[in-house]
């Protein structure tokens, strides 16, 4: 684990070597333990004096562990991770869920990610384009759960209405009924906005 001496050394290297050469180093270093538990976060911004070591909270550690689990080889662990991450409301988590919905190689994980995004409602609207792209997926269950997520995003999903309208002619019942429900929900949210 990084100690105060390591942090002050990093600050001196920045101030005496990197900055005089016109080189800037900034960012965040995350220290994980053997069990992928978040131990600490080192943030470097601006001048060397802004080097900070922030001990991680238990909630941060749990969140980081579930985010790490999204990269596990076991699809069941990835599925549980997207379900657990559904309760965290921050940009990293929503982005990770959207990535899992669009790109995970396991159908059950993609479905669980879309369900988690839908359960977040309007908070997931920042990944709306990724979710909307799932409307064209080859798997009918993915198309259905994409309609579920979009419908719960409410008025923010108004630009997906044409794609949802097209999906009401889908050959599969789930996506067809899901699209009709999503359209109803989005229109209801739009009518209350006025």
N, C-alpha and C. Protein backbone atom coordinates (compact mmCIF):
# COMPACT_ATOMS: atom_id res chain seq x y z
N UNK A 1 0.84 -1.18 0.00
CA UNK A 1 0.00 0.00 0.00
C UNK A 1 0.88 1.25 0.00
N UNK A 2 0.41 2.31 -0.63
CA UNK A 2 1.17 3.55 -0.68
C UNK A 2 1.17 4.22 0.69
N UNK A 3 2.33 4.71 1.11
CA UNK A 3 2.39 5.44 2.37
C UNK A 3 2.67 6.91 2.08
N UNK A 4 2.75 7.73 3.13
CA UNK A 4 2.95 9.17 2.95
C UNK A 4 4.27 9.47 2.24
N UNK A 5 5.31 8.69 2.52
CA UNK A 5 6.59 8.91 1.87
C UNK A 5 6.46 8.71 0.36
N UNK A 6 5.76 7.68 -0.06
CA UNK A 6 5.57 7.42 -1.49
C UNK A 6 4.83 8.57 -2.16
N UNK A 7 3.82 9.09 -1.50
CA UNK A 7 3.04 10.19 -2.05
C UNK A 7 3.89 11.44 -2.16
N UNK A 8 4.66 11.75 -1.12
CA UNK A 8 5.50 12.96 -1.18
C UNK A 8 6.60 12.79 -2.24
N UNK A 9 7.12 11.58 -2.39
CA UNK A 9 8.12 11.33 -3.42
C UNK A 9 7.54 11.58 -4.81
N UNK A 10 6.33 11.13 -5.04
CA UNK A 10 5.66 11.36 -6.32
C UNK A 10 5.50 12.86 -6.57
N UNK A 11 5.13 13.60 -5.54
CA UNK A 11 5.00 15.05 -5.66
C UNK A 11 6.30 15.72 -6.03
N UNK A 12 7.41 15.26 -5.43
CA UNK A 12 8.73 15.84 -5.74
C UNK A 12 9.14 15.52 -7.18
N UNK A 13 8.90 14.31 -7.63
CA UNK A 13 9.25 13.93 -9.01
C UNK A 13 8.49 14.80 -9.99
N UNK A 14 7.21 15.03 -9.72
CA UNK A 14 6.42 15.89 -10.60
C UNK A 14 6.98 17.30 -10.62
N UNK A 15 7.26 17.85 -9.44
CA UNK A 15 7.67 19.25 -9.34
C UNK A 15 9.08 19.48 -9.88
N UNK A 16 10.01 18.54 -9.67
CA UNK A 16 11.40 18.77 -10.03
C UNK A 16 11.81 18.21 -11.38
N UNK A 17 11.11 17.23 -11.88
CA UNK A 17 11.50 16.61 -13.15
C UNK A 17 10.46 16.83 -14.24
N UNK A 18 9.23 16.44 -14.00
CA UNK A 18 8.22 16.45 -15.06
C UNK A 18 7.76 17.86 -15.45
N UNK A 19 7.38 18.66 -14.47
CA UNK A 19 6.85 19.99 -14.78
C UNK A 19 7.89 20.90 -15.46
N UNK A 20 9.16 20.91 -15.01
CA UNK A 20 10.14 21.75 -15.72
C UNK A 20 10.34 21.33 -17.19
N UNK A 21 10.10 20.08 -17.49
CA UNK A 21 10.22 19.61 -18.88
C UNK A 21 8.93 19.84 -19.67
N UNK A 22 7.93 20.42 -19.01
CA UNK A 22 6.65 20.67 -19.67
C UNK A 22 5.77 19.43 -19.75
N UNK A 23 6.07 18.42 -18.95
CA UNK A 23 5.27 17.20 -18.94
C UNK A 23 4.29 17.25 -17.78
N UNK A 24 3.09 16.85 -18.03
CA UNK A 24 2.06 16.86 -16.99
C UNK A 24 1.58 15.44 -16.75
N UNK A 25 1.45 15.08 -15.51
CA UNK A 25 0.91 13.78 -15.13
C UNK A 25 -0.30 14.05 -14.26
N UNK A 26 -1.42 13.47 -14.63
CA UNK A 26 -2.60 13.59 -13.78
C UNK A 26 -3.44 12.34 -13.97
N UNK A 27 -4.28 12.08 -13.01
CA UNK A 27 -5.16 10.92 -13.09
C UNK A 27 -5.35 10.28 -11.74
N UNK A 28 -5.87 9.07 -11.78
CA UNK A 28 -6.17 8.35 -10.56
C UNK A 28 -5.57 6.96 -10.61
N UNK A 29 -4.92 6.59 -9.55
CA UNK A 29 -4.37 5.26 -9.39
C UNK A 29 -5.21 4.57 -8.33
N UNK A 30 -5.75 3.41 -8.66
CA UNK A 30 -6.57 2.66 -7.71
C UNK A 30 -5.76 1.47 -7.23
N UNK A 31 -5.64 1.33 -5.92
CA UNK A 31 -4.91 0.20 -5.33
C UNK A 31 -5.92 -0.85 -4.89
N UNK A 32 -5.79 -2.06 -5.45
CA UNK A 32 -6.67 -3.17 -5.11
C UNK A 32 -5.90 -4.22 -4.33
N UNK A 33 -6.57 -4.87 -3.39
CA UNK A 33 -5.96 -5.94 -2.63
C UNK A 33 -6.02 -7.26 -3.38
N UNK A 34 -5.53 -8.33 -2.75
CA UNK A 34 -5.53 -9.64 -3.39
C UNK A 34 -6.92 -10.10 -3.78
N UNK A 35 -7.94 -9.72 -3.00
CA UNK A 35 -9.32 -10.14 -3.28
C UNK A 35 -10.04 -9.12 -4.15
N UNK A 36 -9.29 -8.27 -4.85
CA UNK A 36 -9.82 -7.20 -5.69
C UNK A 36 -10.61 -6.16 -4.90
N UNK A 37 -10.38 -6.10 -3.61
CA UNK A 37 -11.03 -5.11 -2.76
C UNK A 37 -10.26 -3.80 -2.88
N UNK A 38 -10.99 -2.70 -3.02
CA UNK A 38 -10.36 -1.39 -3.15
C UNK A 38 -9.69 -1.01 -1.84
N UNK A 39 -8.39 -0.77 -1.90
CA UNK A 39 -7.64 -0.38 -0.71
C UNK A 39 -7.52 1.13 -0.60
N UNK A 40 -7.24 1.79 -1.72
CA UNK A 40 -7.04 3.23 -1.69
C UNK A 40 -7.11 3.79 -3.10
N UNK A 41 -7.26 5.09 -3.17
CA UNK A 41 -7.28 5.79 -4.46
C UNK A 41 -6.30 6.96 -4.35
N UNK A 42 -5.35 7.05 -5.27
CA UNK A 42 -4.38 8.13 -5.31
C UNK A 42 -4.74 9.02 -6.49
N UNK A 43 -5.04 10.29 -6.21
CA UNK A 43 -5.44 11.21 -7.27
C UNK A 43 -4.37 12.28 -7.42
N UNK A 44 -3.96 12.53 -8.65
CA UNK A 44 -2.96 13.55 -8.95
C UNK A 44 -3.61 14.55 -9.89
N UNK A 45 -3.67 15.82 -9.45
CA UNK A 45 -4.26 16.89 -10.26
C UNK A 45 -3.44 18.15 -10.08
N UNK A 46 -3.37 18.94 -11.12
CA UNK A 46 -2.74 20.26 -11.03
C UNK A 46 -1.32 20.22 -10.51
N UNK A 47 -1.01 21.11 -9.59
CA UNK A 47 0.34 21.20 -9.02
C UNK A 47 0.63 19.98 -8.15
N UNK A 48 1.90 19.74 -7.91
CA UNK A 48 2.32 18.56 -7.15
C UNK A 48 1.72 18.52 -5.76
N UNK A 49 1.40 19.67 -5.19
CA UNK A 49 0.86 19.70 -3.83
C UNK A 49 -0.55 19.12 -3.77
N UNK A 50 -1.17 18.89 -4.93
CA UNK A 50 -2.52 18.34 -4.94
C UNK A 50 -2.56 16.82 -4.98
N UNK A 51 -1.44 16.18 -4.71
CA UNK A 51 -1.41 14.73 -4.66
C UNK A 51 -2.12 14.30 -3.37
N UNK A 52 -3.13 13.44 -3.51
CA UNK A 52 -3.91 13.03 -2.34
C UNK A 52 -4.00 11.51 -2.27
N UNK A 53 -3.98 10.99 -1.09
CA UNK A 53 -4.26 9.58 -0.86
C UNK A 53 -5.56 9.52 -0.08
N UNK A 54 -6.56 8.90 -0.68
CA UNK A 54 -7.86 8.82 -0.05
C UNK A 54 -8.15 7.37 0.29
N UNK A 55 -8.29 7.04 1.56
CA UNK A 55 -8.66 5.67 1.89
C UNK A 55 -10.07 5.38 1.36
N UNK A 56 -10.25 4.19 0.90
CA UNK A 56 -11.54 3.81 0.32
C UNK A 56 -12.53 3.47 1.42
N UNK A 57 -13.79 3.79 1.17
CA UNK A 57 -14.84 3.39 2.10
C UNK A 57 -15.23 1.95 1.79
N UNK A 58 -15.96 1.33 2.70
CA UNK A 58 -16.43 -0.04 2.46
C UNK A 58 -17.34 -0.09 1.25
N UNK A 59 -18.15 0.96 1.06
CA UNK A 59 -19.05 1.00 -0.09
C UNK A 59 -18.26 1.09 -1.40
N UNK A 60 -17.20 1.90 -1.40
CA UNK A 60 -16.33 1.98 -2.59
C UNK A 60 -15.72 0.63 -2.89
N UNK A 61 -15.27 -0.05 -1.86
CA UNK A 61 -14.63 -1.35 -2.04
C UNK A 61 -15.61 -2.35 -2.63
N UNK A 62 -16.82 -2.36 -2.14
CA UNK A 62 -17.82 -3.29 -2.66
C UNK A 62 -18.15 -2.97 -4.12
N UNK A 63 -18.33 -1.70 -4.41
CA UNK A 63 -18.64 -1.27 -5.78
C UNK A 63 -17.51 -1.67 -6.73
N UNK A 64 -16.27 -1.40 -6.34
CA UNK A 64 -15.12 -1.74 -7.18
C UNK A 64 -15.01 -3.25 -7.38
N UNK A 65 -15.34 -4.01 -6.34
CA UNK A 65 -15.28 -5.48 -6.47
C UNK A 65 -16.30 -5.97 -7.49
N UNK A 66 -17.52 -5.40 -7.46
CA UNK A 66 -18.54 -5.81 -8.43
C UNK A 66 -18.16 -5.35 -9.84
N UNK A 67 -17.58 -4.16 -9.97
CA UNK A 67 -17.13 -3.71 -11.29
C UNK A 67 -16.04 -4.63 -11.83
N UNK A 68 -15.14 -5.06 -10.97
CA UNK A 68 -14.09 -6.00 -11.37
C UNK A 68 -14.71 -7.33 -11.79
N UNK A 69 -15.77 -7.75 -11.12
CA UNK A 69 -16.43 -9.02 -11.43
C UNK A 69 -17.06 -9.01 -12.81
N UNK A 70 -17.32 -7.84 -13.37
CA UNK A 70 -17.86 -7.78 -14.74
C UNK A 70 -16.87 -8.31 -15.76
N UNK A 71 -15.60 -8.42 -15.39
CA UNK A 71 -14.57 -8.93 -16.29
C UNK A 71 -14.22 -10.39 -16.01
N UNK A 72 -14.95 -11.01 -15.09
CA UNK A 72 -14.67 -12.41 -14.73
C UNK A 72 -15.00 -13.34 -15.89
N UNK A 73 -14.34 -14.48 -15.92
CA UNK A 73 -14.62 -15.45 -16.98
C UNK A 73 -15.93 -16.20 -16.72
N UNK A 74 -16.37 -16.26 -15.48
CA UNK A 74 -17.59 -16.99 -15.12
C UNK A 74 -18.82 -16.13 -15.44
N UNK A 75 -19.66 -16.57 -16.40
CA UNK A 75 -20.81 -15.77 -16.78
C UNK A 75 -21.82 -15.59 -15.64
N UNK A 76 -21.91 -16.57 -14.75
CA UNK A 76 -22.84 -16.44 -13.62
C UNK A 76 -22.39 -15.33 -12.68
N UNK A 77 -21.09 -15.21 -12.46
CA UNK A 77 -20.56 -14.12 -11.62
C UNK A 77 -20.82 -12.77 -12.29
N UNK A 78 -20.64 -12.69 -13.60
CA UNK A 78 -20.92 -11.43 -14.31
C UNK A 78 -22.39 -11.07 -14.19
N UNK A 79 -23.27 -12.07 -14.27
CA UNK A 79 -24.71 -11.81 -14.15
C UNK A 79 -25.05 -11.27 -12.75
N UNK A 80 -24.49 -11.89 -11.73
CA UNK A 80 -24.73 -11.42 -10.36
C UNK A 80 -24.16 -10.00 -10.20
N UNK A 81 -23.03 -9.73 -10.82
CA UNK A 81 -22.42 -8.40 -10.72
C UNK A 81 -23.34 -7.33 -11.30
N UNK A 82 -23.93 -7.58 -12.47
CA UNK A 82 -24.81 -6.55 -13.04
C UNK A 82 -26.06 -6.37 -12.18
N UNK A 83 -26.52 -7.45 -11.57
CA UNK A 83 -27.67 -7.33 -10.67
C UNK A 83 -27.32 -6.51 -9.43
N UNK A 84 -26.15 -6.75 -8.87
CA UNK A 84 -25.72 -6.01 -7.68
C UNK A 84 -25.43 -4.54 -7.99
N UNK A 85 -24.86 -4.29 -9.15
CA UNK A 85 -24.52 -2.91 -9.52
C UNK A 85 -25.75 -2.07 -9.82
N UNK A 86 -26.87 -2.69 -10.02
CA UNK A 86 -28.10 -1.95 -10.30
C UNK A 86 -28.47 -0.95 -9.24
N UNK A 87 -27.99 -1.13 -8.02
CA UNK A 87 -28.36 -0.21 -6.94
C UNK A 87 -27.41 0.99 -6.79
N UNK A 88 -26.28 0.97 -7.49
CA UNK A 88 -25.34 2.11 -7.41
C UNK A 88 -25.69 3.14 -8.47
N UNK A 89 -25.71 4.40 -8.06
CA UNK A 89 -26.08 5.46 -8.99
C UNK A 89 -24.90 6.37 -9.24
N UNK A 90 -24.00 5.93 -10.09
CA UNK A 90 -22.93 6.81 -10.54
C UNK A 90 -22.60 6.49 -11.99
N UNK A 91 -21.92 7.40 -12.62
CA UNK A 91 -21.65 7.29 -14.05
C UNK A 91 -20.88 6.04 -14.41
N UNK A 92 -19.85 5.68 -13.63
CA UNK A 92 -19.06 4.49 -13.94
C UNK A 92 -19.91 3.23 -13.97
N UNK A 93 -20.82 3.11 -13.01
CA UNK A 93 -21.65 1.92 -12.93
C UNK A 93 -22.63 1.88 -14.09
N UNK A 94 -23.29 2.99 -14.39
CA UNK A 94 -24.25 3.01 -15.49
C UNK A 94 -23.54 2.69 -16.81
N UNK A 95 -22.36 3.25 -17.01
CA UNK A 95 -21.59 2.96 -18.22
C UNK A 95 -21.20 1.49 -18.29
N UNK A 96 -20.80 0.92 -17.16
CA UNK A 96 -20.42 -0.49 -17.12
C UNK A 96 -21.61 -1.39 -17.43
N UNK A 97 -22.78 -1.04 -16.89
CA UNK A 97 -23.98 -1.82 -17.18
C UNK A 97 -24.35 -1.73 -18.66
N UNK A 98 -24.23 -0.54 -19.23
CA UNK A 98 -24.54 -0.37 -20.66
C UNK A 98 -23.57 -1.19 -21.52
N UNK A 99 -22.30 -1.18 -21.14
CA UNK A 99 -21.32 -1.96 -21.89
C UNK A 99 -21.66 -3.45 -21.81
N UNK A 100 -22.03 -3.92 -20.62
CA UNK A 100 -22.40 -5.33 -20.47
C UNK A 100 -23.64 -5.65 -21.30
N UNK A 101 -24.60 -4.74 -21.33
CA UNK A 101 -25.83 -4.96 -22.10
C UNK A 101 -25.54 -5.09 -23.59
N UNK A 102 -24.60 -4.31 -24.06
CA UNK A 102 -24.31 -4.29 -25.50
C UNK A 102 -23.27 -5.32 -25.93
N UNK A 103 -22.34 -5.67 -25.04
CA UNK A 103 -21.18 -6.41 -25.52
C UNK A 103 -20.87 -7.72 -24.83
N UNK A 104 -21.52 -8.03 -23.72
CA UNK A 104 -21.16 -9.28 -23.04
C UNK A 104 -21.48 -10.46 -23.96
N UNK A 105 -20.65 -11.47 -23.92
CA UNK A 105 -20.83 -12.62 -24.81
C UNK A 105 -21.92 -13.57 -24.32
N UNK A 106 -22.40 -13.38 -23.09
CA UNK A 106 -23.41 -14.25 -22.50
C UNK A 106 -24.78 -13.56 -22.51
N UNK A 107 -25.75 -14.20 -23.11
CA UNK A 107 -27.09 -13.64 -23.24
C UNK A 107 -27.70 -13.29 -21.88
N UNK A 108 -27.56 -14.16 -20.89
CA UNK A 108 -28.14 -13.91 -19.57
C UNK A 108 -27.55 -12.66 -18.92
N UNK A 109 -26.29 -12.39 -19.16
CA UNK A 109 -25.65 -11.19 -18.60
C UNK A 109 -26.20 -9.95 -19.28
N UNK A 110 -26.35 -10.00 -20.59
CA UNK A 110 -26.88 -8.85 -21.34
C UNK A 110 -28.30 -8.53 -20.87
N UNK A 111 -29.10 -9.57 -20.70
CA UNK A 111 -30.48 -9.39 -20.25
C UNK A 111 -30.51 -8.77 -18.85
N UNK A 112 -29.71 -9.32 -17.94
CA UNK A 112 -29.67 -8.80 -16.57
C UNK A 112 -29.20 -7.34 -16.55
N UNK A 113 -28.26 -6.99 -17.41
CA UNK A 113 -27.78 -5.61 -17.47
C UNK A 113 -28.89 -4.67 -17.94
N UNK A 114 -29.63 -5.08 -18.95
CA UNK A 114 -30.74 -4.24 -19.43
C UNK A 114 -31.83 -4.13 -18.37
N UNK A 115 -32.09 -5.20 -17.66
CA UNK A 115 -33.08 -5.14 -16.58
C UNK A 115 -32.62 -4.18 -15.49
N UNK A 116 -31.34 -4.25 -15.12
CA UNK A 116 -30.80 -3.33 -14.10
C UNK A 116 -30.89 -1.88 -14.57
N UNK A 117 -30.59 -1.64 -15.83
CA UNK A 117 -30.70 -0.28 -16.37
C UNK A 117 -32.16 0.19 -16.35
N UNK A 118 -33.07 -0.69 -16.70
CA UNK A 118 -34.49 -0.33 -16.67
C UNK A 118 -34.96 -0.04 -15.26
N UNK A 119 -34.48 -0.81 -14.30
CA UNK A 119 -34.87 -0.58 -12.91
C UNK A 119 -34.37 0.76 -12.39
N UNK A 120 -33.34 1.31 -13.01
CA UNK A 120 -32.82 2.63 -12.62
C UNK A 120 -33.69 3.76 -13.15
N UNK A 121 -34.52 3.47 -14.14
CA UNK A 121 -35.41 4.47 -14.70
C UNK A 121 -34.67 5.60 -15.40
N UNK A 122 -35.08 6.83 -15.12
CA UNK A 122 -34.51 8.00 -15.78
C UNK A 122 -33.02 8.18 -15.50
N UNK A 123 -32.53 7.62 -14.38
CA UNK A 123 -31.10 7.74 -14.05
C UNK A 123 -30.21 7.06 -15.09
N UNK A 124 -30.79 6.13 -15.85
CA UNK A 124 -30.00 5.42 -16.86
C UNK A 124 -30.05 6.10 -18.22
N UNK A 125 -30.74 7.21 -18.32
CA UNK A 125 -30.91 7.87 -19.63
C UNK A 125 -29.59 8.31 -20.25
N UNK A 126 -28.55 8.47 -19.46
CA UNK A 126 -27.26 8.89 -20.03
C UNK A 126 -26.66 7.85 -20.97
N UNK A 127 -27.15 6.60 -20.90
CA UNK A 127 -26.66 5.55 -21.80
C UNK A 127 -27.74 5.14 -22.79
N UNK A 128 -28.69 6.01 -23.00
CA UNK A 128 -29.81 5.73 -23.88
C UNK A 128 -29.39 5.26 -25.27
N UNK A 129 -28.42 5.86 -25.94
CA UNK A 129 -28.03 5.37 -27.28
C UNK A 129 -27.58 3.91 -27.27
N UNK A 130 -26.85 3.51 -26.25
CA UNK A 130 -26.39 2.12 -26.17
C UNK A 130 -27.57 1.17 -25.99
N UNK A 131 -28.51 1.56 -25.13
CA UNK A 131 -29.70 0.73 -24.90
C UNK A 131 -30.55 0.69 -26.17
N UNK A 132 -30.72 1.82 -26.82
CA UNK A 132 -31.52 1.87 -28.05
C UNK A 132 -30.92 0.97 -29.13
N UNK A 133 -29.61 0.88 -29.19
CA UNK A 133 -28.96 0.01 -30.18
C UNK A 133 -29.32 -1.45 -29.95
N UNK A 134 -29.63 -1.81 -28.71
CA UNK A 134 -30.02 -3.19 -28.40
C UNK A 134 -31.38 -3.56 -28.98
N UNK A 135 -32.16 -2.57 -29.43
CA UNK A 135 -33.45 -2.86 -30.06
C UNK A 135 -33.26 -3.66 -31.35
N UNK A 136 -32.11 -3.56 -31.95
CA UNK A 136 -31.83 -4.27 -33.20
C UNK A 136 -31.07 -5.57 -32.99
N UNK A 137 -30.93 -6.02 -31.76
CA UNK A 137 -30.18 -7.23 -31.48
C UNK A 137 -30.85 -8.46 -32.08
N UNK A 138 -30.06 -9.45 -32.43
CA UNK A 138 -30.59 -10.70 -33.01
C UNK A 138 -31.40 -11.50 -32.00
N UNK A 139 -31.09 -11.36 -30.71
CA UNK A 139 -31.78 -12.14 -29.68
C UNK A 139 -33.08 -11.44 -29.26
N UNK A 140 -34.22 -12.12 -29.37
CA UNK A 140 -35.50 -11.49 -29.00
C UNK A 140 -35.55 -11.05 -27.54
N UNK A 141 -34.92 -11.82 -26.65
CA UNK A 141 -34.94 -11.44 -25.23
C UNK A 141 -34.18 -10.13 -25.00
N UNK A 142 -33.10 -9.92 -25.72
CA UNK A 142 -32.37 -8.66 -25.61
C UNK A 142 -33.23 -7.52 -26.14
N UNK A 143 -33.91 -7.74 -27.25
CA UNK A 143 -34.80 -6.69 -27.79
C UNK A 143 -35.89 -6.37 -26.78
N UNK A 144 -36.47 -7.40 -26.16
CA UNK A 144 -37.52 -7.15 -25.17
C UNK A 144 -36.98 -6.33 -23.99
N UNK A 145 -35.86 -6.76 -23.41
CA UNK A 145 -35.34 -6.06 -22.23
C UNK A 145 -34.85 -4.66 -22.58
N UNK A 146 -34.48 -4.42 -23.81
CA UNK A 146 -34.15 -3.06 -24.24
C UNK A 146 -35.41 -2.20 -24.21
N UNK A 147 -36.55 -2.76 -24.64
CA UNK A 147 -37.81 -2.00 -24.57
C UNK A 147 -38.18 -1.72 -23.12
N UNK A 148 -37.93 -2.70 -22.25
CA UNK A 148 -38.19 -2.53 -20.82
C UNK A 148 -37.40 -1.33 -20.28
N UNK A 149 -36.11 -1.31 -20.59
CA UNK A 149 -35.25 -0.23 -20.08
C UNK A 149 -35.67 1.12 -20.65
N UNK A 150 -35.92 1.17 -21.95
CA UNK A 150 -36.29 2.45 -22.58
C UNK A 150 -37.62 2.96 -22.04
N UNK A 151 -38.58 2.09 -21.87
CA UNK A 151 -39.88 2.51 -21.34
C UNK A 151 -39.77 3.13 -19.96
N UNK A 152 -38.86 2.64 -19.17
CA UNK A 152 -38.70 3.16 -17.81
C UNK A 152 -37.83 4.41 -17.75
N UNK A 153 -37.18 4.75 -18.86
CA UNK A 153 -36.42 6.00 -18.91
C UNK A 153 -37.35 7.19 -19.13
N UNK A 154 -38.59 6.92 -19.45
CA UNK A 154 -39.59 7.98 -19.56
C UNK A 154 -39.36 8.92 -20.72
N UNK A 155 -39.64 10.18 -20.48
CA UNK A 155 -39.59 11.21 -21.52
C UNK A 155 -38.21 11.32 -22.16
N UNK A 156 -37.17 10.98 -21.44
CA UNK A 156 -35.81 11.05 -21.99
C UNK A 156 -35.65 10.14 -23.21
N UNK A 157 -36.49 9.11 -23.31
CA UNK A 157 -36.38 8.15 -24.41
C UNK A 157 -37.27 8.50 -25.59
N UNK A 158 -37.76 9.73 -25.65
CA UNK A 158 -38.71 10.12 -26.71
C UNK A 158 -38.13 9.94 -28.12
N UNK A 159 -36.82 10.10 -28.28
CA UNK A 159 -36.22 9.96 -29.61
C UNK A 159 -36.19 8.51 -30.09
N UNK A 160 -36.47 7.57 -29.19
CA UNK A 160 -36.50 6.16 -29.59
C UNK A 160 -37.90 5.72 -30.04
N UNK A 161 -38.88 6.62 -29.99
CA UNK A 161 -40.24 6.24 -30.37
C UNK A 161 -40.33 5.66 -31.78
N UNK A 162 -39.66 6.22 -32.79
CA UNK A 162 -39.74 5.60 -34.13
C UNK A 162 -39.21 4.16 -34.16
N UNK A 163 -38.11 3.91 -33.48
CA UNK A 163 -37.56 2.56 -33.44
C UNK A 163 -38.49 1.61 -32.68
N UNK A 164 -39.10 2.12 -31.62
CA UNK A 164 -40.06 1.30 -30.87
C UNK A 164 -41.31 1.02 -31.70
N UNK A 165 -41.76 2.03 -32.45
CA UNK A 165 -42.92 1.83 -33.35
C UNK A 165 -42.61 0.72 -34.35
N UNK A 166 -41.41 0.74 -34.91
CA UNK A 166 -41.02 -0.29 -35.88
C UNK A 166 -40.99 -1.67 -35.22
N UNK A 167 -40.61 -1.71 -33.95
CA UNK A 167 -40.52 -2.98 -33.23
C UNK A 167 -41.89 -3.57 -32.92
N UNK A 168 -42.96 -2.77 -33.00
CA UNK A 168 -44.30 -3.32 -32.77
C UNK A 168 -44.70 -4.31 -33.86
N UNK A 169 -43.92 -4.39 -34.92
CA UNK A 169 -44.14 -5.38 -35.99
C UNK A 169 -43.14 -6.53 -35.91
N UNK A 170 -42.42 -6.64 -34.81
CA UNK A 170 -41.42 -7.70 -34.65
C UNK A 170 -42.10 -9.07 -34.78
N UNK A 171 -41.38 -10.05 -35.27
CA UNK A 171 -41.93 -11.39 -35.45
C UNK A 171 -42.10 -12.12 -34.11
N UNK A 172 -41.43 -11.65 -33.06
CA UNK A 172 -41.50 -12.28 -31.74
C UNK A 172 -42.45 -11.50 -30.83
N UNK A 173 -43.19 -12.23 -30.01
CA UNK A 173 -44.17 -11.59 -29.12
C UNK A 173 -43.53 -10.67 -28.09
N UNK A 174 -42.46 -11.11 -27.42
CA UNK A 174 -41.85 -10.32 -26.35
C UNK A 174 -41.45 -8.93 -26.79
N UNK A 175 -40.62 -8.80 -27.83
CA UNK A 175 -40.24 -7.47 -28.28
C UNK A 175 -41.44 -6.64 -28.76
N UNK A 176 -42.39 -7.29 -29.39
CA UNK A 176 -43.57 -6.58 -29.90
C UNK A 176 -44.39 -5.99 -28.73
N UNK A 177 -44.68 -6.83 -27.74
CA UNK A 177 -45.45 -6.34 -26.58
C UNK A 177 -44.64 -5.36 -25.74
N UNK A 178 -43.34 -5.62 -25.61
CA UNK A 178 -42.47 -4.70 -24.87
C UNK A 178 -42.42 -3.33 -25.52
N UNK A 179 -42.36 -3.31 -26.85
CA UNK A 179 -42.33 -2.03 -27.56
C UNK A 179 -43.61 -1.25 -27.33
N UNK A 180 -44.75 -1.93 -27.39
CA UNK A 180 -46.04 -1.25 -27.15
C UNK A 180 -46.09 -0.67 -25.75
N UNK A 181 -45.61 -1.43 -24.76
CA UNK A 181 -45.59 -0.93 -23.38
C UNK A 181 -44.64 0.25 -23.23
N UNK A 182 -43.47 0.17 -23.84
CA UNK A 182 -42.50 1.27 -23.76
C UNK A 182 -43.06 2.53 -24.38
N UNK A 183 -43.72 2.39 -25.53
CA UNK A 183 -44.32 3.55 -26.19
C UNK A 183 -45.35 4.20 -25.27
N UNK A 184 -46.19 3.37 -24.67
CA UNK A 184 -47.21 3.89 -23.74
C UNK A 184 -46.57 4.64 -22.58
N UNK A 185 -45.53 4.07 -22.00
CA UNK A 185 -44.86 4.70 -20.85
C UNK A 185 -44.19 6.03 -21.25
N UNK A 186 -43.51 6.02 -22.39
CA UNK A 186 -42.82 7.25 -22.84
C UNK A 186 -43.83 8.34 -23.13
N UNK A 187 -44.89 8.00 -23.82
CA UNK A 187 -45.93 9.00 -24.14
C UNK A 187 -46.59 9.53 -22.87
N UNK A 188 -46.84 8.66 -21.91
CA UNK A 188 -47.42 9.11 -20.63
C UNK A 188 -46.47 10.08 -19.92
N UNK A 189 -45.20 9.78 -19.94
CA UNK A 189 -44.20 10.68 -19.31
C UNK A 189 -44.15 12.00 -20.05
N UNK A 190 -44.25 11.98 -21.36
CA UNK A 190 -44.22 13.22 -22.14
C UNK A 190 -45.45 14.06 -21.85
N UNK A 191 -46.60 13.43 -21.67
CA UNK A 191 -47.83 14.18 -21.41
C UNK A 191 -47.82 14.85 -20.04
N UNK A 192 -47.09 14.29 -19.08
CA UNK A 192 -47.01 14.91 -17.76
C UNK A 192 -45.95 16.01 -17.70
N UNK A 193 -45.08 16.07 -18.72
CA UNK A 193 -44.06 17.10 -18.78
C UNK A 193 -44.63 18.45 -19.13
N UNK A 194 -45.72 18.46 -19.87
CA UNK A 194 -46.30 19.70 -20.40
C UNK A 194 -46.93 20.54 -19.34
